[in-house]
Amino acid sequence: GQVTIHSIPVGSYTFTATKAGYTGAS
């Protein structure tokens, strides 16, 4: 259930997770 996302510009962000069969969340 893990992922590393690189090269994100400095700042503040929300992250959203989705998958078929699940209700997504941020």
mmCIF file of all heavy atoms, coordinates in Angstrom:
data_MODEL
# 
_entry.id   MODEL 
# 
loop_
_atom_site.group_PDB 
_atom_site.id 
_atom_site.type_symbol 
_atom_site.label_atom_id 
_atom_site.label_alt_id 
_atom_site.label_comp_id 
_atom_site.label_asym_id 
_atom_site.label_entity_id 
_atom_site.label_seq_id 
_atom_site.pdbx_PDB_ins_code 
_atom_site.Cartn_x 
_atom_site.Cartn_y 
_atom_site.Cartn_z 
_atom_site.occupancy 
_atom_site.B_iso_or_equiv 
_atom_site.pdbx_formal_charge 
_atom_site.auth_seq_id 
_atom_site.auth_comp_id 
_atom_site.auth_asym_id 
_atom_site.auth_atom_id 
_atom_site.pdbx_PDB_model_num 
ATOM 1   N N   . GLY A 1 1  ? 0.801   -1.213 0.000  1.00 0.00 ? 1  GLY A N   1 
ATOM 2   C CA  . GLY A 1 1  ? 0.000   0.000  0.000  1.00 0.00 ? 1  GLY A CA  1 
ATOM 3   C C   . GLY A 1 1  ? 0.834   1.264  0.000  1.00 0.00 ? 1  GLY A C   1 
ATOM 4   O O   . GLY A 1 1  ? 0.350   2.345  0.357  1.00 0.00 ? 1  GLY A O   1 
ATOM 5   N N   . GLN A 1 2  ? 2.098   1.186  -0.449 1.00 0.00 ? 2  GLN A N   1 
ATOM 6   C CA  . GLN A 1 2  ? 2.989   2.341  -0.431 1.00 0.00 ? 2  GLN A CA  1 
ATOM 7   C C   . GLN A 1 2  ? 3.427   2.741  -1.838 1.00 0.00 ? 2  GLN A C   1 
ATOM 8   O O   . GLN A 1 2  ? 3.518   1.917  -2.745 1.00 0.00 ? 2  GLN A O   1 
ATOM 9   C CB  . GLN A 1 2  ? 4.239   2.047  0.401  1.00 0.00 ? 2  GLN A CB  1 
ATOM 10  C CG  . GLN A 1 2  ? 3.967   1.877  1.882  1.00 0.00 ? 2  GLN A CG  1 
ATOM 11  C CD  . GLN A 1 2  ? 5.244   1.697  2.681  1.00 0.00 ? 2  GLN A CD  1 
ATOM 12  O OE1 . GLN A 1 2  ? 6.277   1.329  2.133  1.00 0.00 ? 2  GLN A OE1 1 
ATOM 13  N NE2 . GLN A 1 2  ? 5.179   1.963  3.972  1.00 0.00 ? 2  GLN A NE2 1 
ATOM 14  N N   . VAL A 1 3  ? 3.680   4.037  -2.006 1.00 0.00 ? 3  VAL A N   1 
ATOM 15  C CA  . VAL A 1 3  ? 4.258   4.554  -3.242 1.00 0.00 ? 3  VAL A CA  1 
ATOM 16  C C   . VAL A 1 3  ? 5.090   5.789  -2.902 1.00 0.00 ? 3  VAL A C   1 
ATOM 17  O O   . VAL A 1 3  ? 4.724   6.555  -2.011 1.00 0.00 ? 3  VAL A O   1 
ATOM 18  C CB  . VAL A 1 3  ? 3.155   4.908  -4.277 1.00 0.00 ? 3  VAL A CB  1 
ATOM 19  C CG1 . VAL A 1 3  ? 2.210   5.976  -3.749 1.00 0.00 ? 3  VAL A CG1 1 
ATOM 20  C CG2 . VAL A 1 3  ? 3.777   5.355  -5.599 1.00 0.00 ? 3  VAL A CG2 1 
ATOM 21  N N   . THR A 1 4  ? 6.213   5.953  -3.577 1.00 0.00 ? 4  THR A N   1 
ATOM 22  C CA  . THR A 1 4  ? 7.026   7.150  -3.418 1.00 0.00 ? 4  THR A CA  1 
ATOM 23  C C   . THR A 1 4  ? 6.944   7.972  -4.699 1.00 0.00 ? 4  THR A C   1 
ATOM 24  O O   . THR A 1 4  ? 7.218   7.462  -5.785 1.00 0.00 ? 4  THR A O   1 
ATOM 25  C CB  . THR A 1 4  ? 8.499   6.795  -3.122 1.00 0.00 ? 4  THR A CB  1 
ATOM 26  O OG1 . THR A 1 4  ? 8.557   6.062  -1.896 1.00 0.00 ? 4  THR A OG1 1 
ATOM 27  C CG2 . THR A 1 4  ? 9.348   8.057  -2.983 1.00 0.00 ? 4  THR A CG2 1 
ATOM 28  N N   . ILE A 1 5  ? 6.521   9.220  -4.554 1.00 0.00 ? 5  ILE A N   1 
ATOM 29  C CA  . ILE A 1 5  ? 6.398   10.121 -5.697 1.00 0.00 ? 5  ILE A CA  1 
ATOM 30  C C   . ILE A 1 5  ? 7.505   11.171 -5.593 1.00 0.00 ? 5  ILE A C   1 
ATOM 31  O O   . ILE A 1 5  ? 7.619   11.866 -4.581 1.00 0.00 ? 5  ILE A O   1 
ATOM 32  C CB  . ILE A 1 5  ? 5.008   10.792 -5.724 1.00 0.00 ? 5  ILE A CB  1 
ATOM 33  C CG1 . ILE A 1 5  ? 3.914   9.710  -5.772 1.00 0.00 ? 5  ILE A CG1 1 
ATOM 34  C CG2 . ILE A 1 5  ? 4.877   11.731 -6.930 1.00 0.00 ? 5  ILE A CG2 1 
ATOM 35  C CD1 . ILE A 1 5  ? 2.506   10.248 -5.675 1.00 0.00 ? 5  ILE A CD1 1 
ATOM 36  N N   . HIS A 1 6  ? 8.317   11.255 -6.635 1.00 0.00 ? 6  HIS A N   1 
ATOM 37  C CA  . HIS A 1 6  ? 9.470   12.164 -6.630 1.00 0.00 ? 6  HIS A CA  1 
ATOM 38  C C   . HIS A 1 6  ? 9.166   13.467 -7.368 1.00 0.00 ? 6  HIS A C   1 
ATOM 39  O O   . HIS A 1 6  ? 8.141   13.610 -8.026 1.00 0.00 ? 6  HIS A O   1 
ATOM 40  C CB  . HIS A 1 6  ? 10.676  11.475 -7.290 1.00 0.00 ? 6  HIS A CB  1 
ATOM 41  C CG  . HIS A 1 6  ? 11.092  10.208 -6.595 1.00 0.00 ? 6  HIS A CG  1 
ATOM 42  N ND1 . HIS A 1 6  ? 11.814  10.194 -5.438 1.00 0.00 ? 6  HIS A ND1 1 
ATOM 43  C CD2 . HIS A 1 6  ? 10.857  8.903  -6.919 1.00 0.00 ? 6  HIS A CD2 1 
ATOM 44  C CE1 . HIS A 1 6  ? 12.031  8.941  -5.059 1.00 0.00 ? 6  HIS A CE1 1 
ATOM 45  N NE2 . HIS A 1 6  ? 11.444  8.134  -5.963 1.00 0.00 ? 6  HIS A NE2 1 
ATOM 46  N N   . SER A 1 7  ? 10.133  14.407 -7.223 1.00 0.00 ? 7  SER A N   1 
ATOM 47  C CA  . SER A 1 7  ? 10.117  15.669 -7.989 1.00 0.00 ? 7  SER A CA  1 
ATOM 48  C C   . SER A 1 7  ? 8.862   16.492 -7.745 1.00 0.00 ? 7  SER A C   1 
ATOM 49  O O   . SER A 1 7  ? 8.308   17.111 -8.658 1.00 0.00 ? 7  SER A O   1 
ATOM 50  C CB  . SER A 1 7  ? 10.295  15.398 -9.493 1.00 0.00 ? 7  SER A CB  1 
ATOM 51  O OG  . SER A 1 7  ? 11.497  14.697 -9.728 1.00 0.00 ? 7  SER A OG  1 
ATOM 52  N N   . ILE A 1 8  ? 8.405   16.512 -6.497 1.00 0.00 ? 8  ILE A N   1 
ATOM 53  C CA  . ILE A 1 8  ? 7.270   17.358 -6.136 1.00 0.00 ? 8  ILE A CA  1 
ATOM 54  C C   . ILE A 1 8  ? 7.805   18.755 -5.800 1.00 0.00 ? 8  ILE A C   1 
ATOM 55  O O   . ILE A 1 8  ? 8.684   18.891 -4.943 1.00 0.00 ? 8  ILE A O   1 
ATOM 56  C CB  . ILE A 1 8  ? 6.518   16.788 -4.926 1.00 0.00 ? 8  ILE A CB  1 
ATOM 57  C CG1 . ILE A 1 8  ? 6.056   15.356 -5.199 1.00 0.00 ? 8  ILE A CG1 1 
ATOM 58  C CG2 . ILE A 1 8  ? 5.319   17.672 -4.562 1.00 0.00 ? 8  ILE A CG2 1 
ATOM 59  C CD1 . ILE A 1 8  ? 5.452   14.649 -4.001 1.00 0.00 ? 8  ILE A CD1 1 
ATOM 60  N N   . PRO A 1 9  ? 7.334   19.798 -6.472 1.00 0.00 ? 9  PRO A N   1 
ATOM 61  C CA  . PRO A 1 9  ? 7.806   21.151 -6.151 1.00 0.00 ? 9  PRO A CA  1 
ATOM 62  C C   . PRO A 1 9  ? 7.527   21.484 -4.679 1.00 0.00 ? 9  PRO A C   1 
ATOM 63  O O   . PRO A 1 9  ? 6.533   21.053 -4.109 1.00 0.00 ? 9  PRO A O   1 
ATOM 64  C CB  . PRO A 1 9  ? 6.981   22.045 -7.084 1.00 0.00 ? 9  PRO A CB  1 
ATOM 65  C CG  . PRO A 1 9  ? 6.567   21.147 -8.206 1.00 0.00 ? 9  PRO A CG  1 
ATOM 66  C CD  . PRO A 1 9  ? 6.368   19.810 -7.592 1.00 0.00 ? 9  PRO A CD  1 
ATOM 67  N N   . VAL A 1 10 ? 8.446   22.214 -4.076 1.00 0.00 ? 10 VAL A N   1 
ATOM 68  C CA  . VAL A 1 10 ? 8.260   22.634 -2.682 1.00 0.00 ? 10 VAL A CA  1 
ATOM 69  C C   . VAL A 1 10 ? 6.941   23.397 -2.551 1.00 0.00 ? 10 VAL A C   1 
ATOM 70  O O   . VAL A 1 10 ? 6.585   24.220 -3.394 1.00 0.00 ? 10 VAL A O   1 
ATOM 71  C CB  . VAL A 1 10 ? 9.446   23.516 -2.228 1.00 0.00 ? 10 VAL A CB  1 
ATOM 72  C CG1 . VAL A 1 10 ? 9.143   24.181 -0.880 1.00 0.00 ? 10 VAL A CG1 1 
ATOM 73  C CG2 . VAL A 1 10 ? 10.710  22.671 -2.135 1.00 0.00 ? 10 VAL A CG2 1 
ATOM 74  N N   . GLY A 1 11 ? 6.181   23.075 -1.503 1.00 0.00 ? 11 GLY A N   1 
ATOM 75  C CA  . GLY A 1 11 ? 4.890   23.720 -1.273 1.00 0.00 ? 11 GLY A CA  1 
ATOM 76  C C   . GLY A 1 11 ? 4.018   22.838 -0.406 1.00 0.00 ? 11 GLY A C   1 
ATOM 77  O O   . GLY A 1 11 ? 4.497   21.856 0.188  1.00 0.00 ? 11 GLY A O   1 
ATOM 78  N N   . SER A 1 12 ? 2.750   23.160 -0.309 1.00 0.00 ? 12 SER A N   1 
ATOM 79  C CA  . SER A 1 12 ? 1.797   22.361 0.467  1.00 0.00 ? 12 SER A CA  1 
ATOM 80  C C   . SER A 1 12 ? 0.760   21.761 -0.469 1.00 0.00 ? 12 SER A C   1 
ATOM 81  O O   . SER A 1 12 ? 0.227   22.450 -1.353 1.00 0.00 ? 12 SER A O   1 
ATOM 82  C CB  . SER A 1 12 ? 1.111   23.227 1.529  1.00 0.00 ? 12 SER A CB  1 
ATOM 83  O OG  . SER A 1 12 ? 2.053   23.625 2.514  1.00 0.00 ? 12 SER A OG  1 
ATOM 84  N N   . TYR A 1 13 ? 0.478   20.488 -0.273 1.00 0.00 ? 13 TYR A N   1 
ATOM 85  C CA  . TYR A 1 13 ? -0.391  19.759 -1.198 1.00 0.00 ? 13 TYR A CA  1 
ATOM 86  C C   . TYR A 1 13 ? -1.318  18.806 -0.427 1.00 0.00 ? 13 TYR A C   1 
ATOM 87  O O   . TYR A 1 13 ? -0.990  18.344 0.669  1.00 0.00 ? 13 TYR A O   1 
ATOM 88  C CB  . TYR A 1 13 ? 0.434   18.919 -2.187 1.00 0.00 ? 13 TYR A CB  1 
ATOM 89  C CG  . TYR A 1 13 ? 1.408   19.714 -3.003 1.00 0.00 ? 13 TYR A CG  1 
ATOM 90  C CD1 . TYR A 1 13 ? 2.718   19.894 -2.553 1.00 0.00 ? 13 TYR A CD1 1 
ATOM 91  C CD2 . TYR A 1 13 ? 1.038   20.278 -4.213 1.00 0.00 ? 13 TYR A CD2 1 
ATOM 92  C CE1 . TYR A 1 13 ? 3.628   20.628 -3.296 1.00 0.00 ? 13 TYR A CE1 1 
ATOM 93  C CE2 . TYR A 1 13 ? 1.949   21.015 -4.967 1.00 0.00 ? 13 TYR A CE2 1 
ATOM 94  C CZ  . TYR A 1 13 ? 3.236   21.190 -4.500 1.00 0.00 ? 13 TYR A CZ  1 
ATOM 95  O OH  . TYR A 1 13 ? 4.135   21.922 -5.240 1.00 0.00 ? 13 TYR A OH  1 
ATOM 96  N N   . THR A 1 14 ? -2.440  18.515 -1.059 1.00 0.00 ? 14 THR A N   1 
ATOM 97  C CA  . THR A 1 14 ? -3.238  17.369 -0.627 1.00 0.00 ? 14 THR A CA  1 
ATOM 98  C C   . THR A 1 14 ? -2.985  16.239 -1.613 1.00 0.00 ? 14 THR A C   1 
ATOM 99  O O   . THR A 1 14 ? -2.633  16.463 -2.781 1.00 0.00 ? 14 THR A O   1 
ATOM 100 C CB  . THR A 1 14 ? -4.748  17.693 -0.584 1.00 0.00 ? 14 THR A CB  1 
ATOM 101 O OG1 . THR A 1 14 ? -5.162  18.167 -1.869 1.00 0.00 ? 14 THR A OG1 1 
ATOM 102 C CG2 . THR A 1 14 ? -5.049  18.741 0.484  1.00 0.00 ? 14 THR A CG2 1 
ATOM 103 N N   . PHE A 1 15 ? -3.145  15.029 -1.126 1.00 0.00 ? 15 PHE A N   1 
ATOM 104 C CA  . PHE A 1 15 ? -2.900  13.835 -1.924 1.00 0.00 ? 15 PHE A CA  1 
ATOM 105 C C   . PHE A 1 15 ? -4.186  13.006 -1.931 1.00 0.00 ? 15 PHE A C   1 
ATOM 106 O O   . PHE A 1 15 ? -4.822  12.825 -0.885 1.00 0.00 ? 15 PHE A O   1 
ATOM 107 C CB  . PHE A 1 15 ? -1.749  13.024 -1.329 1.00 0.00 ? 15 PHE A CB  1 
ATOM 108 C CG  . PHE A 1 15 ? -0.458  13.771 -1.297 1.00 0.00 ? 15 PHE A CG  1 
ATOM 109 C CD1 . PHE A 1 15 ? -0.183  14.651 -0.257 1.00 0.00 ? 15 PHE A CD1 1 
ATOM 110 C CD2 . PHE A 1 15 ? 0.475   13.633 -2.304 1.00 0.00 ? 15 PHE A CD2 1 
ATOM 111 C CE1 . PHE A 1 15 ? 1.005   15.366 -0.219 1.00 0.00 ? 15 PHE A CE1 1 
ATOM 112 C CE2 . PHE A 1 15 ? 1.665   14.338 -2.276 1.00 0.00 ? 15 PHE A CE2 1 
ATOM 113 C CZ  . PHE A 1 15 ? 1.922   15.217 -1.235 1.00 0.00 ? 15 PHE A CZ  1 
ATOM 114 N N   . THR A 1 16 ? -4.563  12.541 -3.106 1.00 0.00 ? 16 THR A N   1 
ATOM 115 C CA  . THR A 1 16 ? -5.828  11.810 -3.251 1.00 0.00 ? 16 THR A CA  1 
ATOM 116 C C   . THR A 1 16 ? -5.549  10.381 -3.707 1.00 0.00 ? 16 THR A C   1 
ATOM 117 O O   . THR A 1 16 ? -4.785  10.154 -4.655 1.00 0.00 ? 16 THR A O   1 
ATOM 118 C CB  . THR A 1 16 ? -6.758  12.504 -4.261 1.00 0.00 ? 16 THR A CB  1 
ATOM 119 O OG1 . THR A 1 16 ? -7.066  13.817 -3.775 1.00 0.00 ? 16 THR A OG1 1 
ATOM 120 C CG2 . THR A 1 16 ? -8.057  11.720 -4.444 1.00 0.00 ? 16 THR A CG2 1 
ATOM 121 N N   . ALA A 1 17 ? -6.181  9.420  -3.024 1.00 0.00 ? 17 ALA A N   1 
ATOM 122 C CA  . ALA A 1 17 ? -6.026  8.000  -3.359 1.00 0.00 ? 17 ALA A CA  1 
ATOM 123 C C   . ALA A 1 17 ? -7.351  7.449  -3.869 1.00 0.00 ? 17 ALA A C   1 
ATOM 124 O O   . ALA A 1 17 ? -8.413  7.704  -3.287 1.00 0.00 ? 17 ALA A O   1 
ATOM 125 C CB  . ALA A 1 17 ? -5.575  7.209  -2.137 1.00 0.00 ? 17 ALA A CB  1 
ATOM 126 N N   . THR A 1 18 ? -7.286  6.710  -4.978 1.00 0.00 ? 18 THR A N   1 
ATOM 127 C CA  . THR A 1 18 ? -8.485  6.097  -5.552 1.00 0.00 ? 18 THR A CA  1 
ATOM 128 C C   . THR A 1 18 ? -8.179  4.683  -6.023 1.00 0.00 ? 18 THR A C   1 
ATOM 129 O O   . THR A 1 18 ? -7.043  4.362  -6.395 1.00 0.00 ? 18 THR A O   1 
ATOM 130 C CB  . THR A 1 18 ? -9.016  6.900  -6.756 1.00 0.00 ? 18 THR A CB  1 
ATOM 131 O OG1 . THR A 1 18 ? -7.983  6.983  -7.757 1.00 0.00 ? 18 THR A OG1 1 
ATOM 132 C CG2 . THR A 1 18 ? -9.435  8.309  -6.347 1.00 0.00 ? 18 THR A CG2 1 
ATOM 133 N N   . LYS A 1 19 ? -9.203  3.851  -6.022 1.00 0.00 ? 19 LYS A N   1 
ATOM 134 C CA  . LYS A 1 19 ? -9.111  2.511  -6.607 1.00 0.00 ? 19 LYS A CA  1 
ATOM 135 C C   . LYS A 1 19 ? -10.527 2.004  -6.838 1.00 0.00 ? 19 LYS A C   1 
ATOM 136 O O   . LYS A 1 19 ? -11.431 2.259  -6.027 1.00 0.00 ? 19 LYS A O   1 
ATOM 137 C CB  . LYS A 1 19 ? -8.351  1.543  -5.683 1.00 0.00 ? 19 LYS A CB  1 
ATOM 138 C CG  . LYS A 1 19 ? -8.161  0.157  -6.312 1.00 0.00 ? 19 LYS A CG  1 
ATOM 139 C CD  . LYS A 1 19 ? -7.403  -0.791 -5.399 1.00 0.00 ? 19 LYS A CD  1 
ATOM 140 C CE  . LYS A 1 19 ? -7.264  -2.167 -6.074 1.00 0.00 ? 19 LYS A CE  1 
ATOM 141 N NZ  . LYS A 1 19 ? -6.535  -3.142 -5.241 1.00 0.00 ? 19 LYS A NZ  1 
ATOM 142 N N   . ALA A 1 20 ? -10.728 1.310  -7.949 1.00 0.00 ? 20 ALA A N   1 
ATOM 143 C CA  . ALA A 1 20 ? -12.041 0.734  -8.230 1.00 0.00 ? 20 ALA A CA  1 
ATOM 144 C C   . ALA A 1 20 ? -12.450 -0.179 -7.086 1.00 0.00 ? 20 ALA A C   1 
ATOM 145 O O   . ALA A 1 20 ? -11.661 -0.997 -6.609 1.00 0.00 ? 20 ALA A O   1 
ATOM 146 C CB  . ALA A 1 20 ? -12.012 -0.048 -9.531 1.00 0.00 ? 20 ALA A CB  1 
ATOM 147 N N   . GLY A 1 21 ? -13.698 -0.024 -6.629 1.00 0.00 ? 21 GLY A N   1 
ATOM 148 C CA  . GLY A 1 21 ? -14.190 -0.831 -5.525 1.00 0.00 ? 21 GLY A CA  1 
ATOM 149 C C   . GLY A 1 21 ? -13.982 -0.194 -4.170 1.00 0.00 ? 21 GLY A C   1 
ATOM 150 O O   . GLY A 1 21 ? -14.350 -0.778 -3.149 1.00 0.00 ? 21 GLY A O   1 
ATOM 151 N N   . TYR A 1 22 ? -13.403 0.998  -4.158 1.00 0.00 ? 22 TYR A N   1 
ATOM 152 C CA  . TYR A 1 22 ? -13.176 1.739  -2.920 1.00 0.00 ? 22 TYR A CA  1 
ATOM 153 C C   . TYR A 1 22 ? -13.712 3.160  -3.069 1.00 0.00 ? 22 TYR A C   1 
ATOM 154 O O   . TYR A 1 22 ? -13.770 3.697  -4.178 1.00 0.00 ? 22 TYR A O   1 
ATOM 155 C CB  . TYR A 1 22 ? -11.683 1.837  -2.589 1.00 0.00 ? 22 TYR A CB  1 
ATOM 156 C CG  . TYR A 1 22 ? -11.026 0.527  -2.236 1.00 0.00 ? 22 TYR A CG  1 
ATOM 157 C CD1 . TYR A 1 22 ? -10.662 -0.391 -3.218 1.00 0.00 ? 22 TYR A CD1 1 
ATOM 158 C CD2 . TYR A 1 22 ? -10.750 0.202  -0.914 1.00 0.00 ? 22 TYR A CD2 1 
ATOM 159 C CE1 . TYR A 1 22 ? -10.045 -1.596 -2.890 1.00 0.00 ? 22 TYR A CE1 1 
ATOM 160 C CE2 . TYR A 1 22 ? -10.125 -0.991 -0.579 1.00 0.00 ? 22 TYR A CE2 1 
ATOM 161 C CZ  . TYR A 1 22 ? -9.781  -1.884 -1.569 1.00 0.00 ? 22 TYR A CZ  1 
ATOM 162 O OH  . TYR A 1 22 ? -9.173  -3.072 -1.244 1.00 0.00 ? 22 TYR A OH  1 
ATOM 163 N N   . THR A 1 23 ? -14.077 3.771  -1.954 1.00 0.00 ? 23 THR A N   1 
ATOM 164 C CA  . THR A 1 23 ? -14.412 5.184  -1.943 1.00 0.00 ? 23 THR A CA  1 
ATOM 165 C C   . THR A 1 23 ? -13.130 5.960  -1.716 1.00 0.00 ? 23 THR A C   1 
ATOM 166 O O   . THR A 1 23 ? -12.453 5.768  -0.695 1.00 0.00 ? 23 THR A O   1 
ATOM 167 C CB  . THR A 1 23 ? -15.426 5.506  -0.829 1.00 0.00 ? 23 THR A CB  1 
ATOM 168 O OG1 . THR A 1 23 ? -16.620 4.755  -1.067 1.00 0.00 ? 23 THR A OG1 1 
ATOM 169 C CG2 . THR A 1 23 ? -15.758 6.988  -0.811 1.00 0.00 ? 23 THR A CG2 1 
ATOM 170 N N   . GLY A 1 24 ? -12.767 6.822  -2.692 1.00 0.00 ? 24 GLY A N   1 
ATOM 171 C CA  . GLY A 1 24 ? -11.512 7.559  -2.612 1.00 0.00 ? 24 GLY A CA  1 
ATOM 172 C C   . GLY A 1 24 ? -11.489 8.535  -1.449 1.00 0.00 ? 24 GLY A C   1 
ATOM 173 O O   . GLY A 1 24 ? -12.524 8.888  -0.880 1.00 0.00 ? 24 GLY A O   1 
ATOM 174 N N   . ALA A 1 25 ? -10.278 8.971  -1.087 1.00 0.00 ? 25 ALA A N   1 
ATOM 175 C CA  . ALA A 1 25 ? -10.117 9.923  0.014  1.00 0.00 ? 25 ALA A CA  1 
ATOM 176 C C   . ALA A 1 25 ? -8.876  10.768 -0.237 1.00 0.00 ? 25 ALA A C   1 
ATOM 177 O O   . ALA A 1 25 ? -7.991  10.393 -1.017 1.00 0.00 ? 25 ALA A O   1 
ATOM 178 C CB  . ALA A 1 25 ? -10.007 9.194  1.345  1.00 0.00 ? 25 ALA A CB  1 
ATOM 179 N N   . SER A 1 26 ? -8.839  11.925 0.436  1.00 0.00 ? 26 SER A N   1 
ATOM 180 C CA  . SER A 1 26 ? -7.701  12.838 0.315  1.00 0.00 ? 26 SER A CA  1 
ATOM 181 C C   . SER A 1 26 ? -7.068  13.070 1.675  1.00 0.00 ? 26 SER A C   1 
ATOM 182 O O   . SER A 1 26 ? -7.736  12.994 2.718  1.00 0.00 ? 26 SER A O   1 
ATOM 183 C CB  . SER A 1 26 ? -8.139  14.182 -0.276 1.00 0.00 ? 26 SER A CB  1 
ATOM 184 O OG  . SER A 1 26 ? -8.623  14.007 -1.596 1.00 0.00 ? 26 SER A OG  1 
# 
